[in-house]
Amino acid sequence: MKAKIAVTTNKNGDKLAEHAGHGVYFKIYEVDQEAGLTGSKVIKIDKEHTLHNLLHNPQTNPAEHEVLTSQILLTGGIGMGAISKLAQMGVRAYIVEEKNPDEAVQKLIEGNLRAVDPNAYQHTHHHDHEHGDGEHNCNGHHH
């Protein structure tokens, strides 16, 4: 069985990023159940196709979005609303404390990766950004 794992990263793909919603860099890993990790690449998505925009405007989902066609998303932060929406699309999202994407994926493969409780994360998460389209609810945060 083959799987694709997306990890929010910085431009170089060597540091796990803190927030999935507005990230434009992801490191995509290809994993084979028998062969283990078979490859990885860093991708940059355009701002129109950030997870935040895609989850708020599902009609803009491109058919082959690298993150949405992954089975697992690892990130330093994501809200419960996004976790639920991604789950409906077949992507299981996990908040992890590991800072190195390669180590996080290796620990995931080995079954040793510790995920953070998203409810605990949600209480300490500060969601400061403007949408420009008036008051609405964004993963439980009012703007």
Protein backbone atom coordinates (compact mmCIF):
# COMPACT_ATOMS: atom_id res chain seq x y z
CA MET A 1 0.00 0.00 0.00
CA LYS A 2 1.27 3.46 -0.91
CA ALA A 3 0.53 6.64 0.99
CA LYS A 4 1.24 10.32 0.59
CA ILE A 5 2.06 12.47 3.62
CA ALA A 6 2.04 16.27 3.45
CA VAL A 7 3.95 18.33 6.02
CA THR A 8 3.72 22.11 6.42
CA THR A 9 7.25 23.47 6.09
CA ASN A 10 9.38 26.49 5.44
CA LYS A 11 10.76 27.28 1.96
CA ASN A 12 13.69 24.87 2.35
CA GLY A 13 11.55 22.03 3.63
CA ASP A 14 13.78 21.55 6.69
CA LYS A 15 11.56 23.05 9.41
CA LEU A 16 7.99 22.11 10.25
CA ALA A 17 5.74 25.19 9.98
CA GLU A 18 3.53 26.33 12.82
CA HIS A 19 0.24 26.83 10.96
CA ALA A 20 -1.31 24.91 8.11
CA GLY A 21 -3.99 27.36 6.98
CA HIS A 22 -1.92 30.04 5.30
CA GLY A 23 1.16 28.00 4.52
CA VAL A 24 2.37 27.88 0.95
CA TYR A 25 5.24 25.40 1.40
CA PHE A 26 4.69 21.71 1.96
CA LYS A 27 7.01 18.76 1.87
CA ILE A 28 5.27 15.82 0.24
CA TYR A 29 6.49 12.34 1.17
CA GLU A 30 5.75 9.15 -0.72
CA VAL A 31 5.63 6.09 1.54
CA ASP A 32 5.34 2.45 0.55
CA GLN A 33 4.25 0.00 3.26
CA GLU A 34 6.98 -2.46 2.32
CA ALA A 35 9.75 -0.17 1.07
CA GLY A 36 9.26 2.64 3.59
CA LEU A 37 9.93 6.20 2.53
CA THR A 38 10.41 6.24 -1.25
CA GLY A 39 10.79 9.96 -1.93
CA SER A 40 9.99 13.52 -0.98
CA LYS A 41 9.74 16.93 -2.59
CA VAL A 42 9.07 20.49 -1.43
CA ILE A 43 6.23 22.22 -3.22
CA LYS A 44 4.96 25.79 -3.20
CA ILE A 45 1.27 26.42 -3.70
CA ASP A 46 -0.16 29.75 -4.75
CA LYS A 47 -1.96 31.85 -2.13
CA GLU A 48 -5.31 31.21 -3.81
CA HIS A 49 -4.95 27.51 -2.98
CA THR A 50 -3.84 27.73 0.66
CA LEU A 51 -5.75 25.35 2.92
CA HIS A 52 -7.53 28.29 4.54
CA ASN A 53 -8.87 29.48 1.18
CA LEU A 54 -9.72 25.99 -0.05
CA LEU A 55 -11.61 25.04 3.11
CA HIS A 56 -13.58 28.31 3.11
CA ASN A 57 -14.27 28.11 -0.65
CA PRO A 58 -14.48 24.39 -1.54
CA GLN A 59 -15.54 25.15 -5.12
CA THR A 60 -11.96 26.35 -5.75
CA ASN A 61 -10.44 22.95 -4.88
CA PRO A 62 -8.18 21.91 -7.73
CA ALA A 63 -8.64 18.24 -8.58
CA GLU A 64 -4.99 17.35 -7.98
CA HIS A 65 -4.03 19.55 -5.03
CA GLU A 66 -0.97 17.87 -3.49
CA VAL A 67 -2.19 18.33 0.08
CA LEU A 68 -5.79 17.30 -0.56
CA THR A 69 -4.65 14.14 -2.33
CA SER A 70 -2.48 13.17 0.66
CA GLN A 71 -3.74 10.73 3.26
CA ILE A 72 -2.03 12.48 6.19
CA LEU A 73 -1.14 16.10 6.99
CA LEU A 74 1.37 16.90 9.73
CA THR A 75 1.54 20.48 10.99
CA GLY A 76 2.49 22.61 13.96
CA GLY A 77 -1.02 24.01 14.16
CA ILE A 78 -4.49 23.67 12.71
CA GLY A 79 -8.00 24.35 14.00
CA MET A 80 -10.70 21.78 14.72
CA GLY A 81 -12.86 23.05 11.86
CA ALA A 82 -10.07 22.47 9.37
CA ILE A 83 -9.31 19.04 10.85
CA SER A 84 -12.99 18.08 10.38
CA LYS A 85 -13.19 19.42 6.82
CA LEU A 86 -9.96 17.69 5.82
CA ALA A 87 -11.22 14.43 7.36
CA GLN A 88 -14.32 14.67 5.15
CA MET A 89 -11.93 14.90 2.18
CA GLY A 90 -10.01 11.82 3.32
CA VAL A 91 -7.02 13.66 4.85
CA ARG A 92 -6.16 12.96 8.49
CA ALA A 93 -4.52 16.04 10.01
CA TYR A 94 -2.28 15.91 13.08
CA ILE A 95 -0.70 18.65 15.16
CA VAL A 96 2.84 17.62 16.08
CA GLU A 97 5.57 19.19 18.20
CA GLU A 98 8.42 17.71 16.14
CA LYS A 99 10.26 20.55 14.36
CA ASN A 100 12.10 18.49 11.72
CA PRO A 101 9.75 17.26 8.95
CA ASP A 102 11.95 14.26 8.04
CA GLU A 103 12.10 13.13 11.67
CA ALA A 104 8.34 13.63 12.09
CA VAL A 105 7.58 11.43 9.09
CA GLN A 106 10.11 8.78 10.19
CA LYS A 107 8.50 8.70 13.65
CA LEU A 108 5.07 8.44 12.02
CA ILE A 109 6.21 5.48 9.93
CA GLU A 110 7.67 3.82 13.04
CA GLY A 111 4.53 4.52 15.06
CA ASN A 112 6.39 6.79 17.52
CA LEU A 113 5.06 10.22 16.54
CA ARG A 114 3.17 11.99 19.33
CA ALA A 115 0.27 14.12 18.18
CA VAL A 116 -0.95 17.10 20.21
CA ASP A 117 -4.57 17.20 21.33
CA PRO A 118 -6.17 19.77 18.99
CA ASN A 119 -8.54 20.91 21.75
CA ALA A 120 -5.58 21.85 23.95
CA TYR A 121 -3.99 23.60 20.98
CA GLN A 122 -7.21 25.46 20.21
CA HIS A 123 -7.25 27.15 23.63
CA THR A 124 -3.77 28.63 23.21
CA HIS A 125 -3.99 29.39 19.49
CA HIS A 126 -4.15 33.06 18.51
CA HIS A 127 -5.83 33.57 15.16
CA ASP A 128 -4.93 37.09 14.06
CA HIS A 129 -5.67 37.83 10.44
CA GLU A 130 -8.13 39.81 8.41
CA HIS A 131 -10.44 38.35 5.82
CA GLY A 132 -11.80 41.58 4.40
CA ASP A 133 -15.25 40.13 3.76
CA GLY A 134 -16.98 41.05 6.99
CA GLU A 135 -17.75 39.14 10.17
CA HIS A 136 -17.73 35.36 9.97
CA ASN A 137 -16.69 32.34 11.96
CA CYS A 138 -13.32 30.77 11.16
CA ASN A 139 -12.71 27.52 13.04
CA GLY A 140 -14.53 28.83 16.07
CA HIS A 141 -12.86 32.24 15.94
CA HIS A 142 -15.01 35.26 15.12
CA HIS A 143 -13.58 37.91 12.80
